[in-house]
C-alpha atoms as a PDB file:
ATOM      1  CA  MET A   1      44.250 -68.014 222.658  1.00  0.00           C
ATOM      2  CA  ARG A   2      41.680 -65.518 223.548  1.00  0.00           C
ATOM      3  CA  VAL A   3      44.349 -63.447 225.172  1.00  0.00           C
ATOM      4  CA  PHE A   4      46.414 -63.646 221.990  1.00  0.00           C
ATOM      5  CA  TRP A   5      43.672 -62.256 219.794  1.00  0.00           C
ATOM      6  CA  ALA A   6      42.921 -59.557 222.312  1.00  0.00           C
ATOM      7  CA  PHE A   7      46.568 -58.525 222.185  1.00  0.00           C
ATOM      8  CA  ILE A   8      46.443 -58.510 218.384  1.00  0.00           C
ATOM      9  CA  ALA A   9      43.315 -56.330 218.432  1.00  0.00           C
ATOM     10  CA  ILE A  10      44.981 -53.918 220.808  1.00  0.00           C
ATOM     11  CA  LEU A  11      47.967 -53.680 218.460  1.00  0.00           C
ATOM     12  CA  ILE A  12      45.693 -53.062 215.486  1.00  0.00           C
ATOM     13  CA  LEU A  13      43.805 -50.371 217.353  1.00  0.00           C
ATOM     14  CA  ALA A  14      47.065 -48.796 218.426  1.00  0.00           C
ATOM     15  CA  GLY A  15      48.319 -48.791 214.835  1.00  0.00           C
ATOM     16  CA  VAL A  16      45.110 -47.276 213.570  1.00  0.00           C
ATOM     17  CA  GLY A  17      45.243 -44.608 216.267  1.00  0.00           C
ATOM     18  CA  ALA A  18      48.829 -43.879 215.440  1.00  0.00           C
ATOM     19  CA  LEU A  19      48.009 -43.563 211.771  1.00  0.00           C
ATOM     20  CA  ALA A  20      45.088 -41.286 212.550  1.00  0.00           C
ATOM     21  CA  LEU A  21      47.224 -39.185 214.836  1.00  0.00           C
ATOM     22  CA  SER A  22      50.002 -38.917 212.279  1.00  0.00           C
ATOM     23  CA  GLY A  23      47.491 -37.891 209.539  1.00  0.00           C
ATOM     24  CA  THR A  24      46.032 -35.172 211.715  1.00  0.00           C
ATOM     25  CA  GLN A  25      49.479 -33.842 212.485  1.00  0.00           C
ATOM     26  CA  ALA A  26      50.372 -33.926 208.809  1.00  0.00           C
ATOM     27  CA  VAL A  27      47.245 -31.952 207.923  1.00  0.00           C
ATOM     28  CA  ARG A  28      47.939 -29.471 210.680  1.00  0.00           C
ATOM     29  CA  ALA A  29      51.563 -29.121 209.581  1.00  0.00           C
ATOM     30  CA  LYS A  30      50.487 -28.547 206.004  1.00  0.00           C
ATOM     31  CA  GLN A  31      48.057 -25.852 207.109  1.00  0.00           C
ATOM     32  CA  GLN A  32      50.795 -24.170 209.106  1.00  0.00           C
ATOM     33  CA  VAL A  33      53.111 -24.266 206.086  1.00  0.00           C
ATOM     34  CA  ASN A  34      50.412 -22.692 203.879  1.00  0.00           C
ATOM     35  CA  GLU A  35      49.751 -20.016 206.475  1.00  0.00           C
ATOM     36  CA  ALA A  36      53.484 -19.253 206.696  1.00  0.00           C
ATOM     37  CA  GLN A  37      53.751 -18.998 202.899  1.00  0.00           C
ATOM     38  CA  ALA A  38      50.750 -16.645 202.767  1.00  0.00           C
ATOM     39  CA  GLN A  39      52.248 -14.475 205.510  1.00  0.00           C
ATOM     40  CA  ALA A  40      55.597 -14.401 203.669  1.00  0.00           C
ATOM     41  CA  GLN A  41      53.880 -13.386 200.415  1.00  0.00           C
ATOM     42  CA  THR A  42      51.955 -10.657 202.228  1.00  0.00           C
ATOM     43  CA  ALA A  43      55.172  -9.418 203.778  1.00  0.00           C
ATOM     44  CA  ARG A  44      56.870  -9.358 200.394  1.00  0.00           C
ATOM     45  CA  ASP A  45      53.939  -7.437 198.834  1.00  0.00           C
ATOM     46  CA  ARG A  46      53.963  -4.958 201.681  1.00  0.00           C
ATOM     47  CA  ALA A  47      57.706  -4.482 201.393  1.00  0.00           C
ATOM     48  CA  ARG A  48      57.397  -3.929 197.632  1.00  0.00           C
ATOM     49  CA  ALA A  49      54.582  -1.377 198.148  1.00  0.00           C
ATOM     50  CA  ASP A  50      56.620   0.418 200.811  1.00  0.00           C
ATOM     51  CA  ALA A  51      59.593   0.562 198.437  1.00  0.00           C
ATOM     52  CA  GLU A  52      57.431   2.059 195.657  1.00  0.00           C
ATOM     53  CA  ASN A  53      55.939   4.623 198.045  1.00  0.00           C
ATOM     54  CA  ALA A  54      59.388   5.561 199.296  1.00  0.00           C
ATOM     55  CA  LYS A  55      60.635   6.039 195.694  1.00  0.00           C
ATOM     56  CA  ILE A  56      57.668   8.269 194.836  1.00  0.00           C
ATOM     57  CA  ALA A  57      58.153  10.312 198.012  1.00  0.00           C
ATOM     58  CA  ALA A  58      61.867  10.757 197.219  1.00  0.00           C
ATOM     59  CA  GLU A  59      61.137  11.989 193.685  1.00  0.00           C
ATOM     60  CA  ARG A  60      58.499  14.405 194.961  1.00  0.00           C
ATOM     61  CA  ALA A  61      60.850  15.790 197.595  1.00  0.00           C
ATOM     62  CA  LYS A  62      63.571  16.179 194.993  1.00  0.00           C
ATOM     63  CA  ALA A  63      61.216  18.065 192.654  1.00  0.00           C
ATOM     64  CA  GLU A  64      60.052  20.344 195.464  1.00  0.00           C
ATOM     65  CA  ALA A  65      63.606  21.006 196.604  1.00  0.00           C
ATOM     66  CA  LYS A  66      64.774  21.985 193.065  1.00  0.00           C
ATOM     67  CA  PRO A  67      64.295  25.774 192.415  1.00  0.00           C
ATOM     68  CA  GLU A  68      61.935  26.680 189.574  1.00  0.00           C
ATOM     69  CA  ALA A  69      63.815  27.853 186.488  1.00  0.00           C
ATOM     70  CA  LYS A  70      62.761  31.388 185.523  1.00  0.00           C
ATOM     71  CA  PRO A  71      63.167  32.783 181.998  1.00  0.00           C
ATOM     72  CA  GLU A  72      66.002  35.217 181.660  1.00  0.00           C
ATOM     73  CA  VAL A  73      64.724  38.761 181.311  1.00  0.00           C
ATOM     74  CA  LYS A  74      67.014  40.960 179.301  1.00  0.00           C
ATOM     75  CA  PRO A  75      67.004  44.643 180.237  1.00  0.00           C
ATOM     76  CA  GLU A  76      65.346  46.867 177.689  1.00  0.00           C
ATOM     77  CA  VAL A  77      67.898  48.927 175.807  1.00  0.00           C
ATOM     78  CA  LYS A  78      66.540  52.322 174.872  1.00  0.00           C
ATOM     79  CA  PRO A  79      68.213  54.273 172.080  1.00  0.00           C
ATOM     80  CA  GLU A  80      70.087  57.289 173.281  1.00  0.00           C
ATOM     81  CA  VAL A  81      68.546  60.503 172.017  1.00  0.00           C
ATOM     82  CA  LYS A  82      70.985  63.326 171.482  1.00  0.00           C
ATOM     83  CA  ALA A  83      69.123  66.558 170.974  1.00  0.00           C
ATOM     84  CA  SER A  84      72.343  68.382 170.253  1.00  0.00           C
ATOM     85  CA  GLU A  85      73.015  66.408 167.103  1.00  0.00           C
ATOM     86  CA  PRO A  86      70.593  67.248 164.247  1.00  0.00           C
ATOM     87  CA  VAL A  87      69.379  64.445 162.080  1.00  0.00           C
ATOM     88  CA  THR A  88      70.786  64.966 158.632  1.00  0.00           C
ATOM     89  CA  PRO A  89      68.959  63.052 155.837  1.00  0.00           C
ATOM     90  CA  PRO A  90      70.360  62.822 152.312  1.00  0.00           C
ATOM     91  CA  VAL A  91      70.874  66.191 150.673  1.00  0.00           C
ATOM     92  CA  ALA A  92      68.695  65.526 147.649  1.00  0.00           C
ATOM     93  CA  SER A  93      66.393  68.507 147.935  1.00  0.00           C
ATOM     94  CA  THR A  94      67.106  72.054 149.027  1.00  0.00           C
ATOM     95  CA  LYS A  95      63.473  72.952 149.498  1.00  0.00           C
ATOM     96  CA  ALA A  96      62.633  74.472 152.852  1.00  0.00           C
ATOM     97  CA  PRO A  97      59.405  73.336 154.526  1.00  0.00           C
ATOM     98  CA  VAL A  98      56.313  75.446 153.924  1.00  0.00           C
ATOM     99  CA  ALA A  99      53.323  75.343 156.223  1.00  0.00           C
ATOM    100  CA  PRO A 100      50.111  74.413 154.347  1.00  0.00           C
ATOM    101  CA  PRO A 101      47.393  77.082 154.088  1.00  0.00           C
ATOM    102  CA  ILE A 102      44.893  76.662 156.891  1.00  0.00           C
ATOM    103  CA  ALA A 103      42.771  79.767 157.184  1.00  0.00           C
ATOM    104  CA  SER A 104      45.137  82.290 155.731  1.00  0.00           C
ATOM    105  CA  THR A 105      48.108  82.203 153.410  1.00  0.00           C
ATOM    106  CA  THR A 106      49.741  85.116 155.218  1.00  0.00           C
ATOM    107  CA  VAL A 107      53.020  84.106 156.829  1.00  0.00           C
ATOM    108  CA  PRO A 108      52.884  84.595 160.630  1.00  0.00           C
ATOM    109  CA  PRO A 109      55.474  86.773 162.365  1.00  0.00           C
ATOM    110  CA  THR A 110      58.639  85.183 163.620  1.00  0.00           C
ATOM    111  CA  GLY A 111      57.652  85.399 167.258  1.00  0.00           C
ATOM    112  CA  ALA A 112      54.430  83.473 166.613  1.00  0.00           C
ATOM    113  CA  THR A 113      56.173  80.463 165.162  1.00  0.00           C
ATOM    114  CA  LYS A 114      56.073  77.485 167.501  1.00  0.00           C
ATOM    115  CA  THR A 115      57.627  74.059 167.176  1.00  0.00           C
ATOM    116  CA  PRO A 116      55.103  71.307 168.043  1.00  0.00           C
ATOM    117  CA  PRO A 117      56.251  68.839 170.713  1.00  0.00           C
ATOM    118  CA  VAL A 118      57.411  65.392 169.704  1.00  0.00           C
ATOM    119  CA  ALA A 119      54.527  62.991 170.285  1.00  0.00           C
ATOM    120  CA  GLY A 120      54.909  59.999 172.587  1.00  0.00           C
ATOM    121  CA  THR A 121      57.860  61.282 174.669  1.00  0.00           C
ATOM    122  CA  GLN A 122      58.027  61.133 178.463  1.00  0.00           C
ATOM    123  CA  ALA A 123      60.508  62.007 181.125  1.00  0.00           C
ATOM    124  CA  ALA A 124      61.978  59.290 183.329  1.00  0.00           C
ATOM    125  CA  GLY A 125      59.536  58.227 186.026  1.00  0.00           C
ATOM    126  CA  GLY A 126      56.533  59.108 183.903  1.00  0.00           C
ATOM    127  CA  GLY A 127      53.488  56.935 183.447  1.00  0.00           C
ATOM    128  CA  ALA A 128      50.053  57.579 184.769  1.00  0.00           C
ATOM    129  CA  GLY A 129      51.271  60.128 187.301  1.00  0.00           C
ATOM    130  CA  GLY A 130      54.484  61.314 185.646  1.00  0.00           C
ATOM    131  CA  ALA A 131      54.879  64.614 183.869  1.00  0.00           C
ATOM    132  CA  HIS A 132      55.188  64.471 180.096  1.00  0.00           C
ATOM    133  CA  GLN A 133      58.280  66.202 178.791  1.00  0.00           C
ATOM    134  CA  PRO A 134      58.724  66.688 175.016  1.00  0.00           C
ATOM    135  CA  LEU A 135      62.119  66.127 173.518  1.00  0.00           C
ATOM    136  CA  LYS A 136      64.002  69.084 172.178  1.00  0.00           C
ATOM    137  CA  PRO A 137      63.032  69.826 168.570  1.00  0.00           C
ATOM    138  CA  VAL A 138      65.379  68.478 165.938  1.00  0.00           C
ATOM    139  CA  ALA A 139      66.557  70.927 163.322  1.00  0.00           C
ATOM    140  CA  PRO A 140      65.351  70.278 159.747  1.00  0.00           C
ATOM    141  CA  PRO A 141      67.847  68.838 157.287  1.00  0.00           C
ATOM    142  CA  ARG A 142      70.446  71.428 156.425  1.00  0.00           C
ATOM    143  CA  PRO A 143      71.783  71.578 152.854  1.00  0.00           C
ATOM    144  CA  GLU A 144      75.495  71.402 152.274  1.00  0.00           C
ATOM    145  CA  PRO A 145      77.152  74.840 151.948  1.00  0.00           C
ATOM    146  CA  ARG A 146      77.447  75.988 148.345  1.00  0.00           C
ATOM    147  CA  GLU A 147      79.515  78.597 146.580  1.00  0.00           C
ATOM    148  CA  GLU A 148      77.773  81.392 144.748  1.00  0.00           C
ATOM    149  CA  PRO A 149      78.075  81.138 140.955  1.00  0.00           C
ATOM    150  CA  ALA A 150      80.368  83.622 139.283  1.00  0.00           C
ATOM    151  CA  ALA A 151      78.712  86.854 138.158  1.00  0.00           C
ATOM    152  CA  ASP A 152      78.090  87.516 134.463  1.00  0.00           C
ATOM    153  CA  PRO A 153      80.611  90.156 133.328  1.00  0.00           C
ATOM    154  CA  ASN A 154      77.906  91.725 131.133  1.00  0.00           C
ATOM    155  CA  ALA A 155      75.380  91.979 133.966  1.00  0.00           C
ATOM    156  CA  THR A 156      74.304  95.435 135.187  1.00  0.00           C
ATOM    157  CA  MET A 157      71.934  97.027 137.662  1.00  0.00           C
ATOM    158  CA  PRO A 158      69.375  98.844 135.461  1.00  0.00           C
ATOM    159  CA  ASP A 159      67.120 101.527 136.835  1.00  0.00           C
ATOM    160  CA  GLY A 160      64.075 100.173 138.642  1.00  0.00           C
ATOM    161  CA  ILE A 161      65.885  97.210 140.165  1.00  0.00           C
ATOM    162  CA  PRO A 162      66.517  97.679 143.907  1.00  0.00           C
ATOM    163  CA  ALA A 163      70.073  97.161 145.131  1.00  0.00           C
ATOM    164  CA  LYS A 164      68.785  95.537 148.331  1.00  0.00           C
ATOM    165  CA  LEU A 165      65.606  93.777 149.373  1.00  0.00           C
ATOM    166  CA  GLY A 166      65.381  93.956 153.123  1.00  0.00           C
ATOM    167  CA  GLU A 167      68.772  92.951 154.459  1.00  0.00           C
ATOM    168  CA  TYR A 168      69.767  90.987 151.353  1.00  0.00           C
ATOM    169  CA  ASP A 169      71.843  92.276 148.426  1.00  0.00           C
ATOM    170  CA  VAL A 170      70.698  91.942 144.826  1.00  0.00           C
ATOM    171  CA  ARG A 171      72.975  90.555 142.114  1.00  0.00           C
ATOM    172  CA  PRO A 172      73.253  92.317 138.747  1.00  0.00           C
ATOM    173  CA  VAL A 173      71.290  90.960 135.780  1.00  0.00           C
ATOM    174  CA  ARG A 174      71.975  90.811 132.053  1.00  0.00           C
ATOM    175  CA  ILE A 175      68.977  91.984 130.032  1.00  0.00           C
ATOM    176  CA  GLU A 176      68.674  91.457 126.284  1.00  0.00           C
ATOM    177  CA  LYS A 177      65.779  93.138 124.493  1.00  0.00           C
ATOM    178  CA  LYS A 178      64.117  91.393 121.558  1.00  0.00           C
ATOM    179  CA  ASP A 179      62.331  92.882 118.545  1.00  0.00           C
ATOM    180  CA  ASP A 180      58.954  91.547 119.699  1.00  0.00           C
ATOM    181  CA  GLY A 181      59.211  93.577 122.919  1.00  0.00           C
ATOM    182  CA  SER A 182      60.175  90.675 125.171  1.00  0.00           C
ATOM    183  CA  VAL A 183      63.432  90.485 127.116  1.00  0.00           C
ATOM    184  CA  VAL A 184      65.797  87.608 127.866  1.00  0.00           C
ATOM    185  CA  LEU A 185      67.201  87.591 131.398  1.00  0.00           C
ATOM    186  CA  ASP A 186      70.719  86.230 131.978  1.00  0.00           C
ATOM    187  CA  GLY A 187      70.424  84.401 128.658  1.00  0.00           C
ATOM    188  CA  ARG A 188      67.997  81.889 130.165  1.00  0.00           C
ATOM    189  CA  PHE A 189      64.477  83.246 130.731  1.00  0.00           C
ATOM    190  CA  THR A 190      62.132  85.087 128.393  1.00  0.00           C
ATOM    191  CA  LEU A 191      59.910  87.713 130.010  1.00  0.00           C
ATOM    192  CA  ARG A 192      56.985  89.346 128.233  1.00  0.00           C
ATOM    193  CA  GLY A 193      54.976  92.383 129.277  1.00  0.00           C
ATOM    194  CA  THR A 194      55.879  95.713 130.824  1.00  0.00           C
ATOM    195  CA  GLY A 195      54.997  95.102 134.480  1.00  0.00           C
ATOM    196  CA  THR A 196      51.975  97.414 134.588  1.00  0.00           C
ATOM    197  CA  LYS A 197      48.432  96.538 135.617  1.00  0.00           C
ATOM    198  CA  GLU A 198      47.288  96.814 132.006  1.00  0.00           C
ATOM    199  CA  ASP A 199      50.266  94.837 130.661  1.00  0.00           C
ATOM    200  CA  PRO A 200      51.632  92.631 133.484  1.00  0.00           C
ATOM    201  CA  TYR A 201      54.787  90.558 133.213  1.00  0.00           C
ATOM    202  CA  ARG A 202      54.019  87.005 132.188  1.00  0.00           C
ATOM    203  CA  VAL A 203      56.391  85.213 134.514  1.00  0.00           C
ATOM    204  CA  PRO A 204      57.475  81.599 133.888  1.00  0.00           C
ATOM    205  CA  TRP A 205      57.771  79.483 137.027  1.00  0.00           C
ATOM    206  CA  GLU A 206      61.305  78.505 136.080  1.00  0.00           C
ATOM    207  CA  LEU A 207      62.339  82.132 136.593  1.00  0.00           C
ATOM    208  CA  LEU A 208      61.011  82.178 140.157  1.00  0.00           C
ATOM    209  CA  VAL A 209      62.528  78.782 140.998  1.00  0.00           C
ATOM    210  CA  SER A 210      65.938  79.934 139.735  1.00  0.00           C
ATOM    211  CA  ALA A 211      66.248  82.240 142.762  1.00  0.00           C
ATOM    212  CA  LYS A 212      67.752  79.342 144.714  1.00  0.00           C
ATOM    213  CA  ASP A 213      70.835  79.512 142.464  1.00  0.00           C
ATOM    214  CA  THR A 214      72.146  82.385 144.581  1.00  0.00           C
ATOM    215  CA  PHE A 215      69.632  82.690 147.434  1.00  0.00           C
ATOM    216  CA  GLU A 216      69.443  79.782 149.840  1.00  0.00           C
ATOM    217  CA  PRO A 217      70.243  81.005 153.362  1.00  0.00           C
ATOM    218  CA  ALA A 218      70.584  77.505 154.824  1.00  0.00           C
ATOM    219  CA  ALA A 219      73.376  76.790 152.327  1.00  0.00           C
ATOM    220  CA  GLY A 220      75.088  80.132 152.919  1.00  0.00           C
ATOM    221  CA  LEU A 221      73.783  81.856 149.761  1.00  0.00           C
ATOM    222  CA  LYS A 222      72.186  85.218 150.566  1.00  0.00           C
ATOM    223  CA  ARG A 223      72.065  87.255 147.352  1.00  0.00           C
ATOM    224  CA  ILE A 224      68.826  87.633 145.409  1.00  0.00           C
ATOM    225  CA  PRO A 225      69.162  87.384 141.609  1.00  0.00           C
ATOM    226  CA  GLY A 226      68.472  90.633 139.777  1.00  0.00           C
ATOM    227  CA  ARG A 227      66.185  88.808 137.325  1.00  0.00           C
ATOM    228  CA  VAL A 228      63.888  88.058 140.279  1.00  0.00           C
ATOM    229  CA  ALA A 229      64.337  91.378 142.083  1.00  0.00           C
ATOM    230  CA  MET A 230      63.172  93.261 138.984  1.00  0.00           C
ATOM    231  CA  LEU A 231      59.675  91.787 139.518  1.00  0.00           C
ATOM    232  CA  HIS A 232      59.393  93.440 142.939  1.00  0.00           C
ATOM    233  CA  GLU A 233      56.430  95.845 143.179  1.00  0.00           C
ATOM    234  CA  LYS A 234      55.482  95.114 139.546  1.00  0.00           C
ATOM    235  CA  PHE A 235      52.249  93.604 138.229  1.00  0.00           C
ATOM    236  CA  VAL A 236      52.738  90.021 137.091  1.00  0.00           C
ATOM    237  CA  ARG A 237      50.617  87.184 135.807  1.00  0.00           C
ATOM    238  CA  LEU A 238      51.064  83.609 136.942  1.00  0.00           C
ATOM    239  CA  ASP A 239      49.405  80.540 135.432  1.00  0.00           C
ATOM    240  CA  GLY A 240      49.427  77.302 137.394  1.00  0.00           C
ATOM    241  CA  TYR A 241      47.775  75.205 140.058  1.00  0.00           C
ATOM    242  CA  VAL A 242      45.882  76.814 142.923  1.00  0.00           C
ATOM    243  CA  ALA A 243      44.871  75.786 146.446  1.00  0.00           C
ATOM    244  CA  PHE A 244      42.419  77.613 148.689  1.00  0.00           C
ATOM    245  CA  PRO A 245      42.484  77.746 152.495  1.00  0.00           C
ATOM    246  CA  LEU A 246      40.757  74.738 153.997  1.00  0.00           C
ATOM    247  CA  MET A 247      37.278  75.017 155.530  1.00  0.00           C
ATOM    248  CA  MET A 248      36.499  78.388 153.969  1.00  0.00           C
ATOM    249  CA  GLN A 249      33.363  78.862 151.892  1.00  0.00           C
ATOM    250  CA  LYS A 250      34.298  82.253 150.446  1.00  0.00           C
ATOM    251  CA  PRO A 251      38.088  82.537 150.474  1.00  0.00           C
ATOM    252  CA  THR A 252      39.920  85.779 149.845  1.00  0.00           C
ATOM    253  CA  GLU A 253      43.349  84.125 149.598  1.00  0.00           C
ATOM    254  CA  LEU A 254      44.898  81.330 147.605  1.00  0.00           C
ATOM    255  CA  LEU A 255      48.215  79.694 146.910  1.00  0.00           C
ATOM    256  CA  SER A 256      49.433  79.788 143.305  1.00  0.00           C
ATOM    257  CA  MET A 257      51.831  76.901 142.658  1.00  0.00           C
ATOM    258  CA  LEU A 258      53.972  75.258 140.041  1.00  0.00           C
ATOM    259  CA  ASN A 259      52.881  71.737 141.086  1.00  0.00           C
ATOM    260  CA  GLN A 260      49.474  70.390 142.028  1.00  0.00           C
ATOM    261  CA  TRP A 261      48.756  70.073 145.745  1.00  0.00           C
ATOM    262  CA  ASP A 262      45.451  69.766 147.597  1.00  0.00           C
ATOM    263  CA  GLY A 263      46.725  71.260 150.853  1.00  0.00           C
ATOM    264  CA  CYS A 264      46.833  67.869 152.536  1.00  0.00           C
ATOM    265  CA  CYS A 265      47.561  64.547 150.882  1.00  0.00           C
ATOM    266  CA  ILE A 266      47.602  64.661 147.086  1.00  0.00           C
ATOM    267  CA  GLY A 267      50.326  66.224 144.989  1.00  0.00           C
ATOM    268  CA  VAL A 268      53.676  67.833 145.762  1.00  0.00           C
ATOM    269  CA  PRO A 269      53.899  70.252 148.724  1.00  0.00           C
ATOM    270  CA  PRO A 270      55.279  73.597 147.520  1.00  0.00           C
ATOM    271  CA  SER A 271      58.646  75.088 148.349  1.00  0.00           C
ATOM    272  CA  PRO A 272      59.392  78.795 148.953  1.00  0.00           C
ATOM    273  CA  TYR A 273      60.542  79.068 145.334  1.00  0.00           C
ATOM    274  CA  ASP A 274      57.567  77.545 143.480  1.00  0.00           C
ATOM    275  CA  ALA A 275      54.601  79.024 145.359  1.00  0.00           C
ATOM    276  CA  VAL A 276      53.161  82.526 145.719  1.00  0.00           C
ATOM    277  CA  GLU A 277      50.814  83.604 148.525  1.00  0.00           C
ATOM    278  CA  VAL A 278      48.059  85.637 146.864  1.00  0.00           C
ATOM    279  CA  LYS A 279      45.773  88.095 148.623  1.00  0.00           C
ATOM    280  CA  LEU A 280      42.732  88.533 146.367  1.00  0.00           C
ATOM    281  CA  ALA A 281      40.965  91.806 145.688  1.00  0.00           C
ATOM    282  CA  LYS A 282      37.594  90.063 146.102  1.00  0.00           C
ATOM    283  CA  MET A 283      36.379  86.779 147.509  1.00  0.00           C
ATOM    284  CA  VAL A 284      35.976  83.697 145.372  1.00  0.00           C
ATOM    285  CA  THR A 285      32.431  82.367 145.132  1.00  0.00           C
ATOM    286  CA  GLY A 286      30.454  79.782 143.186  1.00  0.00           C
ATOM    287  CA  ASP A 287      32.165  77.135 141.110  1.00  0.00           C
ATOM    288  CA  ALA A 288      35.422  79.102 141.057  1.00  0.00           C
ATOM    289  CA  ARG A 289      36.066  77.877 144.602  1.00  0.00           C
ATOM    290  CA  PHE A 290      36.543  74.340 143.236  1.00  0.00           C
ATOM    291  CA  ALA A 291      39.134  75.379 140.678  1.00  0.00           C
ATOM    292  CA  VAL A 292      42.304  73.310 140.399  1.00  0.00           C
ATOM    293  CA  THR A 293      44.139  75.586 137.978  1.00  0.00           C
ATOM    294  CA  GLY A 294      43.842  79.207 136.968  1.00  0.00           C
ATOM    295  CA  SER A 295      45.680  82.477 136.490  1.00  0.00           C
ATOM    296  CA  VAL A 296      46.257  85.296 138.953  1.00  0.00           C
ATOM    297  CA  VAL A 297      47.237  88.883 138.183  1.00  0.00           C
ATOM    298  CA  GLY A 298      48.385  91.188 140.951  1.00  0.00           C
ATOM    299  CA  LYS A 299      51.134  93.258 142.478  1.00  0.00           C
ATOM    300  CA  PHE A 300      54.145  91.023 143.029  1.00  0.00           C
ATOM    301  CA  LYS A 301      56.529  91.282 145.942  1.00  0.00           C
ATOM    302  CA  VAL A 302      59.843  89.553 146.644  1.00  0.00           C
ATOM    303  CA  ASP A 303      59.689  89.286 150.429  1.00  0.00           C
ATOM    304  CA  PRO A 304      61.947  86.574 151.894  1.00  0.00           C
ATOM    305  CA  TYR A 305      60.715  85.238 155.208  1.00  0.00           C
ATOM    306  CA  VAL A 306      63.772  83.721 156.916  1.00  0.00           C
ATOM    307  CA  VAL A 307      63.771  82.045 160.311  1.00  0.00           C
ATOM    308  CA  LYS A 308      67.125  82.402 162.014  1.00  0.00           C
ATOM    309  CA  ASN A 309      68.636  80.095 164.590  1.00  0.00           C
ATOM    310  CA  PRO A 310      72.162  79.124 165.729  1.00  0.00           C
ATOM    311  CA  ARG A 311      72.277  76.218 163.290  1.00  0.00           C
ATOM    312  CA  GLY A 312      71.498  78.317 160.234  1.00  0.00           C
ATOM    313  CA  ASP A 313      68.937  80.523 158.531  1.00  0.00           C
ATOM    314  CA  TRP A 314      65.933  78.813 156.990  1.00  0.00           C
ATOM    315  CA  LEU A 315      63.831  80.231 154.171  1.00  0.00           C
ATOM    316  CA  VAL A 316      60.120  79.690 154.825  1.00  0.00           C
ATOM    317  CA  GLY A 317      58.513  81.962 152.236  1.00  0.00           C
ATOM    318  CA  MET A 318      59.739  84.008 149.280  1.00  0.00           C
ATOM    319  CA  TYR A 319      56.957  85.537 147.177  1.00  0.00           C
ATOM    320  CA  THR A 320      53.640  87.268 147.856  1.00  0.00           C
ATOM    321  CA  MET A 321      51.026  89.033 145.738  1.00  0.00           C
ATOM    322  CA  SER A 322      48.389  91.577 146.670  1.00  0.00           C
ATOM    323  CA  VAL A 323      45.192  92.885 145.008  1.00  0.00           C
ATOM    324  CA  GLY A 324      45.099  89.669 143.034  1.00  0.00           C
ATOM    325  CA  ASP A 325      42.511  88.937 140.380  1.00  0.00           C
ATOM    326  CA  PHE A 326      41.792  85.223 139.955  1.00  0.00           C
ATOM    327  CA  THR A 327      40.516  83.625 136.747  1.00  0.00           C
ATOM    328  CA  PRO A 328      39.692  79.905 137.121  1.00  0.00           C
ATOM    329  CA  GLU A 329      40.478  77.495 134.304  1.00  0.00           C
ATOM    330  CA  ASP A 330      39.908  73.897 135.474  1.00  0.00           C
ATOM    331  CA  ILE A 331      37.055  73.476 137.939  1.00  0.00           C
ATOM    332  CA  GLY A 332      38.019  69.869 138.575  1.00  0.00           C
ATOM    333  CA  ASP A 333      36.240  66.594 137.911  1.00  0.00           C
ATOM    334  CA  LYS A 334      32.569  67.642 138.158  1.00  0.00           C
ATOM    335  CA  ALA A 335      33.273  69.516 141.400  1.00  0.00           C
ATOM    336  CA  GLY A 336      31.163  72.530 140.513  1.00  0.00           C
ATOM    337  CA  SER A 337      27.405  72.876 140.303  1.00  0.00           C
END
């Protein structure tokens, strides 16, 4: 009996040991499973990170391999300048340019006339070290050629009227005398006076401007009207606007004009037909120097100053006066003392 219970105890102990051993193995197996799962998760995370890094590296390599797009630069197109073709603006005015009075109203000789260079022009290869080359001067606008008006059948060449002035012929004039002593020239202009120093001709500006009817060299007209030529070397009186040479305190010259002009910016620049260069007998002083209008009396001269070139003859000046006597009328807006 005692042996029986000992055998039973041994069996119980063996069962308990087996159970304990199986539990330990189960725990160990569970730990191994957990460790394997953790390693698998780590491997998956690492593989995912490697895939992301590889994608980023591929995009970066692609961006670096692609050439940078540069903006298209269009070549600068410079306008072609043809110096041989003059620029011809609309033919609305036949007035030739007149240089403003600077220190003297005397027209310079032909050889002294210079054409200023065109500003801002350079030769190819210029720059800081390149030589500046002005473009060839462009001829001023040339009027369309005109035909000379038909001569008046009743026109004549009275005594005292020159047949030529310089190289230019003079056209006949029709003179009608009136009872009051005045004369009507070509049925258009009334002239009073006798042309002497004591009784000068009182010349209307319209008479002087009418010279362009038959005398405009640029348009092919080269005959001076007799009604203008008859004033040559006679004493005349002109009433109109005046301009003195700039920067002169006691001028001895002035420009007598049909229209107002300050010599720079205000008014209408004169043409050869509506301005007379006056050389005064004595200098202008005091408030008279600020005059805007006035009258001048002096010895008149029809003296065309024509600049000739292959493209045509250009009239620069037409009338002058010497031994002039100036009488101011309008001193201006409180310009005097």
